[in-house]
PDB file of N, CA and C in Angstrom:
ATOM      1  N   LYS A   1      -8.373  -8.169   9.890  1.00  0.00           N
ATOM      2  CA  LYS A   1      -9.255  -7.258   9.563  1.00  0.00           C
ATOM      3  C   LYS A   1      -9.586  -7.444   8.232  1.00  0.00           C
ATOM      4  N   PRO A   2     -10.673  -7.124   7.433  1.00  0.00           N
ATOM      5  CA  PRO A   2     -11.173  -7.034   6.133  1.00  0.00           C
ATOM      6  C   PRO A   2     -10.177  -6.060   5.280  1.00  0.00           C
ATOM      7  N   THR A   3      -9.993  -6.242   4.342  1.00  0.00           N
ATOM      8  CA  THR A   3      -9.295  -5.414   3.330  1.00  0.00           C
ATOM      9  C   THR A   3      -9.942  -5.123   2.075  1.00  0.00           C
ATOM     10  N   LEU A   4      -9.992  -4.007   1.357  1.00  0.00           N
ATOM     11  CA  LEU A   4     -10.494  -3.609   0.359  1.00  0.00           C
ATOM     12  C   LEU A   4      -9.591  -3.505  -0.874  1.00  0.00           C
ATOM     13  N   LEU A   5      -8.384  -3.136  -0.596  1.00  0.00           N
ATOM     14  CA  LEU A   5      -7.160  -3.341  -1.368  1.00  0.00           C
ATOM     15  C   LEU A   5      -6.231  -4.486  -1.569  1.00  0.00           C
ATOM     16  N   GLY A   6      -6.134  -5.089  -0.289  1.00  0.00           N
ATOM     17  CA  GLY A   6      -5.092  -6.188  -0.188  1.00  0.00           C
ATOM     18  C   GLY A   6      -3.874  -5.541  -0.379  1.00  0.00           C
ATOM     19  N   ALA A   7      -2.743  -6.636   0.255  1.00  0.00           N
ATOM     20  CA  ALA A   7      -1.435  -6.048  -0.069  1.00  0.00           C
ATOM     21  C   ALA A   7      -0.745  -5.612  -1.414  1.00  0.00           C
ATOM     22  N   LYS A   8      -1.062  -6.383  -2.369  1.00  0.00           N
ATOM     23  CA  LYS A   8      -0.419  -6.134  -3.861  1.00  0.00           C
ATOM     24  C   LYS A   8      -0.894  -4.835  -4.166  1.00  0.00           C
ATOM     25  N   GLN A   9      -2.190  -4.516  -4.099  1.00  0.00           N
ATOM     26  CA  GLN A   9      -2.772  -3.375  -4.487  1.00  0.00           C
ATOM     27  C   GLN A   9      -2.215  -2.131  -3.745  1.00  0.00           C
ATOM     28  N   TRP A  10      -2.023  -2.409  -2.479  1.00  0.00           N
ATOM     29  CA  TRP A  10      -1.447  -1.184  -1.646  1.00  0.00           C
ATOM     30  C   TRP A  10      -0.428  -0.855  -1.479  1.00  0.00           C
ATOM     31  N   GLU A  11       0.739  -1.879  -1.920  1.00  0.00           N
ATOM     32  CA  GLU A  11       1.921  -1.617  -2.506  1.00  0.00           C
ATOM     33  C   GLU A  11       2.087  -0.725  -3.567  1.00  0.00           C
ATOM     34  N   TRP A  12       1.177  -0.956  -4.669  1.00  0.00           N
ATOM     35  CA  TRP A  12       1.119  -0.841  -6.009  1.00  0.00           C
ATOM     36  C   TRP A  12       0.791   1.054  -6.221  1.00  0.00           C
ATOM     37  N   LEU A  13      -0.373   1.177  -5.348  1.00  0.00           N
ATOM     38  CA  LEU A  13      -0.709   2.379  -4.548  1.00  0.00           C
ATOM     39  C   LEU A  13       0.462   3.281  -4.218  1.00  0.00           C
ATOM     40  N   GLN A  14       1.089   2.745  -3.343  1.00  0.00           N
ATOM     41  CA  GLN A  14       2.291   3.533  -2.681  1.00  0.00           C
ATOM     42  C   GLN A  14       3.266   4.166  -3.642  1.00  0.00           C
ATOM     43  N   LYS A  15       3.527   3.232  -4.226  1.00  0.00           N
ATOM     44  CA  LYS A  15       4.887   3.334  -5.178  1.00  0.00           C
ATOM     45  C   LYS A  15       4.266   4.247  -6.089  1.00  0.00           C
ATOM     46  N   GLY A  16       3.065   3.910  -6.762  1.00  0.00           N
ATOM     47  CA  GLY A  16       2.458   5.196  -8.047  1.00  0.00           C
ATOM     48  C   GLY A  16       2.500   6.128  -7.440  1.00  0.00           C
ATOM     49  N   LEU A  17       2.198   6.526  -6.155  1.00  0.00           N
ATOM     50  CA  LEU A  17       2.074   7.972  -5.548  1.00  0.00           C
ATOM     51  C   LEU A  17       3.295   8.483  -5.253  1.00  0.00           C
ATOM     52  N   LEU A  18       4.383   7.689  -5.083  1.00  0.00           N
ATOM     53  CA  LEU A  18       5.568   8.535  -4.558  1.00  0.00           C
ATOM     54  C   LEU A  18       6.542   8.515  -5.918  1.00  0.00           C
ATOM     55  N   ALA A  19       6.271   7.845  -7.149  1.00  0.00           N
ATOM     56  CA  ALA A  19       6.784   8.026  -7.975  1.00  0.00           C
ATOM     57  C   ALA A  19       6.355   9.120  -8.904  1.00  0.00           C
ATOM     58  N   SER A  20       4.791   9.349  -8.912  1.00  0.00           N
ATOM     59  CA  SER A  20       3.902  10.287  -9.929  1.00  0.00           C
ATOM     60  C   SER A  20       4.632  11.913  -9.838  1.00  0.00           C
ATOM     61  N   THR A  21       4.991  12.380 -10.893  1.00  0.00           N
ATOM     62  CA  THR A  21       5.299  13.986 -11.136  1.00  0.00           C
ATOM     63  C   THR A  21       3.826  14.573 -11.611  1.00  0.00           C
ATOM     64  N   ALA A  22       3.079  14.044 -11.862  1.00  0.00           N
ATOM     65  CA  ALA A  22       1.819  14.578 -12.247  1.00  0.00           C
ATOM     66  C   ALA A  22       1.526  15.511 -11.402  1.00  0.00           C
ATOM     67  N   PRO A  23       0.901  16.546 -11.816  1.00  0.00           N
ATOM     68  CA  PRO A  23       0.140  17.699 -10.675  1.00  0.00           C
ATOM     69  C   PRO A  23      -0.915  17.149 -10.359  1.00  0.00           C
ATOM     70  N   PHE A  24      -1.596  16.099 -10.799  1.00  0.00           N
ATOM     71  CA  PHE A  24      -2.637  15.882 -10.019  1.00  0.00           C
ATOM     72  C   PHE A  24      -2.920  14.218 -10.257  1.00  0.00           C
ATOM     73  N   LYS A  25      -3.266  13.405  -9.174  1.00  0.00           N
ATOM     74  CA  LYS A  25      -3.212  12.243  -8.876  1.00  0.00           C
ATOM     75  C   LYS A  25      -4.466  11.779  -9.161  1.00  0.00           C
ATOM     76  N   LEU A  26      -5.454  10.864  -9.730  1.00  0.00           N
ATOM     77  CA  LEU A  26      -6.818  10.621  -9.665  1.00  0.00           C
ATOM     78  C   LEU A  26      -6.726   9.310  -8.992  1.00  0.00           C
ATOM     79  N   LEU A  27      -7.354   9.259  -7.605  1.00  0.00           N
ATOM     80  CA  LEU A  27      -7.969   7.534  -7.374  1.00  0.00           C
ATOM     81  C   LEU A  27      -9.366   7.405  -7.431  1.00  0.00           C
ATOM     82  N   ALA A  28      -9.633   6.706  -8.178  1.00  0.00           N
ATOM     83  CA  ALA A  28     -10.764   6.231  -8.463  1.00  0.00           C
ATOM     84  C   ALA A  28     -10.907   5.073  -8.165  1.00  0.00           C
ATOM     85  N   CYS A  29     -12.239   4.457  -7.336  1.00  0.00           N
ATOM     86  CA  CYS A  29     -12.380   3.155  -6.842  1.00  0.00           C
ATOM     87  C   CYS A  29     -13.922   3.045  -6.968  1.00  0.00           C
ATOM     88  N   GLY A  30     -14.640   1.830  -7.017  1.00  0.00           N
ATOM     89  CA  GLY A  30     -16.002   1.706  -7.223  1.00  0.00           C
ATOM     90  C   GLY A  30     -17.115   1.740  -6.201  1.00  0.00           C
ATOM     91  N   VAL A  31     -16.233   2.243  -4.878  1.00  0.00           N
ATOM     92  CA  VAL A  31     -17.091   2.052  -3.685  1.00  0.00           C
ATOM     93  C   VAL A  31     -16.909   3.670  -3.402  1.00  0.00           C
ATOM     94  N   ILE A  32     -17.708   4.170  -2.575  1.00  0.00           N
ATOM     95  CA  ILE A  32     -18.023   5.605  -2.002  1.00  0.00           C
ATOM     96  C   ILE A  32     -16.627   5.855  -0.831  1.00  0.00           C
ATOM     97  N   TRP A  33     -16.355   6.971  -1.168  1.00  0.00           N
ATOM     98  CA  TRP A  33     -15.117   7.500  -0.235  1.00  0.00           C
ATOM     99  C   TRP A  33     -15.436   8.220   0.818  1.00  0.00           C
ATOM    100  N   ASP A  34     -15.958   7.370   1.840  1.00  0.00           N
ATOM    101  CA  ASP A  34     -16.356   8.125   3.118  1.00  0.00           C
ATOM    102  C   ASP A  34     -15.888   7.480   4.128  1.00  0.00           C
ATOM    103  N   ASP A  35     -16.571   8.149   5.657  1.00  0.00           N
ATOM    104  CA  ASP A  35     -15.647   7.501   6.732  1.00  0.00           C
ATOM    105  C   ASP A  35     -16.457   7.111   7.632  1.00  0.00           C
ATOM    106  N   LYS A  36     -18.092   6.822   7.113  1.00  0.00           N
ATOM    107  CA  LYS A  36     -18.733   6.371   7.938  1.00  0.00           C
ATOM    108  C   LYS A  36     -18.464   4.927   8.061  1.00  0.00           C
ATOM    109  N   GLU A  37     -18.324   4.647   9.683  1.00  0.00           N
ATOM    110  CA  GLU A  37     -18.340   3.279  10.030  1.00  0.00           C
ATOM    111  C   GLU A  37     -19.151   2.427   9.968  1.00  0.00           C
ATOM    112  N   ASN A  38     -19.293   1.173   9.463  1.00  0.00           N
ATOM    113  CA  ASN A  38     -20.580   0.356   9.100  1.00  0.00           C
ATOM    114  C   ASN A  38     -20.142  -0.931   8.736  1.00  0.00           C
ATOM    115  N   THR A  39     -21.080  -1.900   8.721  1.00  0.00           N
ATOM    116  CA  THR A  39     -20.572  -3.316   8.290  1.00  0.00           C
ATOM    117  C   THR A  39     -21.031  -3.648   6.897  1.00  0.00           C
ATOM    118  N   GLU A  40     -21.215  -2.363   5.950  1.00  0.00           N
ATOM    119  CA  GLU A  40     -21.453  -2.831   4.371  1.00  0.00           C
ATOM    120  C   GLU A  40     -20.230  -2.842   3.877  1.00  0.00           C
ATOM    121  N   SER A  41     -20.514  -3.135   2.781  1.00  0.00           N
ATOM    122  CA  SER A  41     -19.108  -3.689   2.081  1.00  0.00           C
ATOM    123  C   SER A  41     -18.996  -2.571   0.812  1.00  0.00           C
ATOM    124  N   ASP A  42     -19.683  -1.629   0.866  1.00  0.00           N
ATOM    125  CA  ASP A  42     -19.573  -0.796  -0.551  1.00  0.00           C
ATOM    126  C   ASP A  42     -19.205   0.483  -0.343  1.00  0.00           C
ATOM    127  N   ASP A  43     -18.493   0.839   0.724  1.00  0.00           N
ATOM    128  CA  ASP A  43     -18.079   2.249   0.898  1.00  0.00           C
ATOM    129  C   ASP A  43     -16.467   1.878   1.811  1.00  0.00           C
ATOM    130  N   TRP A  44     -15.854   2.866   1.741  1.00  0.00           N
ATOM    131  CA  TRP A  44     -14.484   3.237   2.955  1.00  0.00           C
ATOM    132  C   TRP A  44     -14.822   2.802   4.096  1.00  0.00           C
ATOM    133  N   GLY A  45     -16.178   3.027   4.717  1.00  0.00           N
ATOM    134  CA  GLY A  45     -16.380   3.243   5.998  1.00  0.00           C
ATOM    135  C   GLY A  45     -16.107   1.779   6.610  1.00  0.00           C
ATOM    136  N   THR A  46     -16.525   0.972   5.923  1.00  0.00           N
ATOM    137  CA  THR A  46     -16.306  -0.611   6.257  1.00  0.00           C
ATOM    138  C   THR A  46     -14.858  -0.895   6.213  1.00  0.00           C
ATOM    139  N   TYR A  47     -13.808  -0.084   5.713  1.00  0.00           N
ATOM    140  CA  TYR A  47     -12.509  -0.146   5.953  1.00  0.00           C
ATOM    141  C   TYR A  47     -11.361   0.824   6.367  1.00  0.00           C
ATOM    142  N   LYS A  48     -12.103   1.690   7.491  1.00  0.00           N
ATOM    143  CA  LYS A  48     -11.781   2.563   7.702  1.00  0.00           C
ATOM    144  C   LYS A  48     -10.225   2.787   8.059  1.00  0.00           C
ATOM    145  N   HIS A  49      -9.478   1.430   8.502  1.00  0.00           N
ATOM    146  CA  HIS A  49      -8.323   1.309   8.796  1.00  0.00           C
ATOM    147  C   HIS A  49      -7.386   1.813   7.530  1.00  0.00           C
ATOM    148  N   GLU A  50      -7.807   1.111   6.586  1.00  0.00           N
ATOM    149  CA  GLU A  50      -7.311   1.418   5.179  1.00  0.00           C
ATOM    150  C   GLU A  50      -7.399   2.830   4.466  1.00  0.00           C
ATOM    151  N   LEU A  51      -8.539   3.440   4.861  1.00  0.00           N
ATOM    152  CA  LEU A  51      -9.036   4.846   4.444  1.00  0.00           C
ATOM    153  C   LEU A  51      -7.881   5.492   5.095  1.00  0.00           C
ATOM    154  N   THR A  52      -7.802   5.202   6.468  1.00  0.00           N
ATOM    155  CA  THR A  52      -6.962   6.212   7.547  1.00  0.00           C
ATOM    156  C   THR A  52      -5.495   6.029   6.982  1.00  0.00           C
ATOM    157  N   ALA A  53      -5.319   4.830   6.621  1.00  0.00           N
ATOM    158  CA  ALA A  53      -3.459   4.678   6.659  1.00  0.00           C
ATOM    159  C   ALA A  53      -3.205   5.528   5.115  1.00  0.00           C
ATOM    160  N   ILE A  54      -4.369   5.228   4.309  1.00  0.00           N
ATOM    161  CA  ILE A  54      -4.066   6.123   2.611  1.00  0.00           C
ATOM    162  C   ILE A  54      -4.278   7.491   3.012  1.00  0.00           C
ATOM    163  N   GLN A  55      -4.807   8.318   3.804  1.00  0.00           N
ATOM    164  CA  GLN A  55      -4.943   9.381   4.241  1.00  0.00           C
ATOM    165  C   GLN A  55      -3.381   9.784   4.942  1.00  0.00           C
ATOM    166  N   LYS A  56      -3.100   9.000   5.978  1.00  0.00           N
ATOM    167  CA  LYS A  56      -1.811   9.385   6.471  1.00  0.00           C
ATOM    168  C   LYS A  56      -0.590   9.205   5.548  1.00  0.00           C
ATOM    169  N   PHE A  57      -0.532   8.052   4.548  1.00  0.00           N
ATOM    170  CA  PHE A  57       0.464   7.937   3.497  1.00  0.00           C
ATOM    171  C   PHE A  57       0.559   9.213   2.918  1.00  0.00           C
ATOM    172  N   ILE A  58      -0.398   9.912   2.353  1.00  0.00           N
ATOM    173  CA  ILE A  58      -0.388  10.974   1.621  1.00  0.00           C
ATOM    174  C   ILE A  58       0.107  12.338   2.427  1.00  0.00           C
ATOM    175  N   GLY A  59      -0.458  12.099   3.455  1.00  0.00           N
ATOM    176  CA  GLY A  59       0.035  13.521   4.254  1.00  0.00           C
ATOM    177  C   GLY A  59       1.065  13.336   4.658  1.00  0.00           C
ATOM    178  N   GLU A  60       1.846  12.345   5.006  1.00  0.00           N
ATOM    179  CA  GLU A  60       3.144  11.941   5.405  1.00  0.00           C
ATOM    180  C   GLU A  60       4.257  12.569   4.450  1.00  0.00           C
ATOM    181  N   ASN A  61       4.136  11.879   3.348  1.00  0.00           N
ATOM    182  CA  ASN A  61       4.752  12.253   2.068  1.00  0.00           C
ATOM    183  C   ASN A  61       4.491  13.401   1.410  1.00  0.00           C
ATOM    184  N   LYS A  62       3.514  14.223   2.035  1.00  0.00           N
ATOM    185  CA  LYS A  62       3.048  15.691   1.269  1.00  0.00           C
ATOM    186  C   LYS A  62       2.933  15.049  -0.291  1.00  0.00           C
ATOM    187  N   ILE A  63       1.703  14.529  -0.631  1.00  0.00           N
ATOM    188  CA  ILE A  63       1.754  14.230  -1.705  1.00  0.00           C
ATOM    189  C   ILE A  63       0.490  14.977  -2.188  1.00  0.00           C
ATOM    190  N   PRO A  64       1.385  15.828  -3.224  1.00  0.00           N
ATOM    191  CA  PRO A  64      -0.038  16.863  -3.750  1.00  0.00           C
ATOM    192  C   PRO A  64      -1.080  16.441  -4.781  1.00  0.00           C
ATOM    193  N   GLY A  65      -2.046  17.363  -4.765  1.00  0.00           N
ATOM    194  CA  GLY A  65      -2.855  17.012  -6.037  1.00  0.00           C
ATOM    195  C   GLY A  65      -3.782  15.454  -6.287  1.00  0.00           C
ATOM    196  N   ILE A  66      -4.128  15.188  -5.206  1.00  0.00           N
ATOM    197  CA  ILE A  66      -4.952  13.803  -4.914  1.00  0.00           C
ATOM    198  C   ILE A  66      -6.805  14.404  -5.178  1.00  0.00           C
ATOM    199  N   ILE A  67      -7.028  13.725  -6.344  1.00  0.00           N
ATOM    200  CA  ILE A  67      -8.462  13.792  -6.569  1.00  0.00           C
ATOM    201  C   ILE A  67      -8.929  12.546  -6.290  1.00  0.00           C
ATOM    202  N   LEU A  68     -10.223  12.406  -5.699  1.00  0.00           N
ATOM    203  CA  LEU A  68     -10.863  11.162  -5.268  1.00  0.00           C
ATOM    204  C   LEU A  68     -11.958  11.084  -6.078  1.00  0.00           C
ATOM    205  N   ILE A  69     -12.225  10.100  -6.657  1.00  0.00           N
ATOM    206  CA  ILE A  69     -13.561   9.871  -7.272  1.00  0.00           C
ATOM    207  C   ILE A  69     -14.136   8.313  -7.133  1.00  0.00           C
ATOM    208  N   GLY A  70     -15.146   8.570  -6.297  1.00  0.00           N
ATOM    209  CA  GLY A  70     -15.873   6.972  -6.230  1.00  0.00           C
ATOM    210  C   GLY A  70     -17.232   6.814  -6.558  1.00  0.00           C
ATOM    211  N   GLY A  71     -17.685   5.694  -6.244  1.00  0.00           N
ATOM    212  CA  GLY A  71     -19.398   5.420  -6.733  1.00  0.00           C
ATOM    213  C   GLY A  71     -19.686   4.449  -7.420  1.00  0.00           C
TER     214      GLY A  71
END
């Protein structure tokens, strides 16, 4: 499957989120945070499997204070 993050960035993101004690965690990305499935490469909808994995990881680990910025 195509990937937006790649293995190294995904590992970095997970470690950073788990280690953070900040009240808010800002996840900024140059593409739009949406779940509209398509074949374009300018939004998370193209990489729905990764978006779902991020959401699942945050939920399962009960990580509070996530703020998403994209565009």
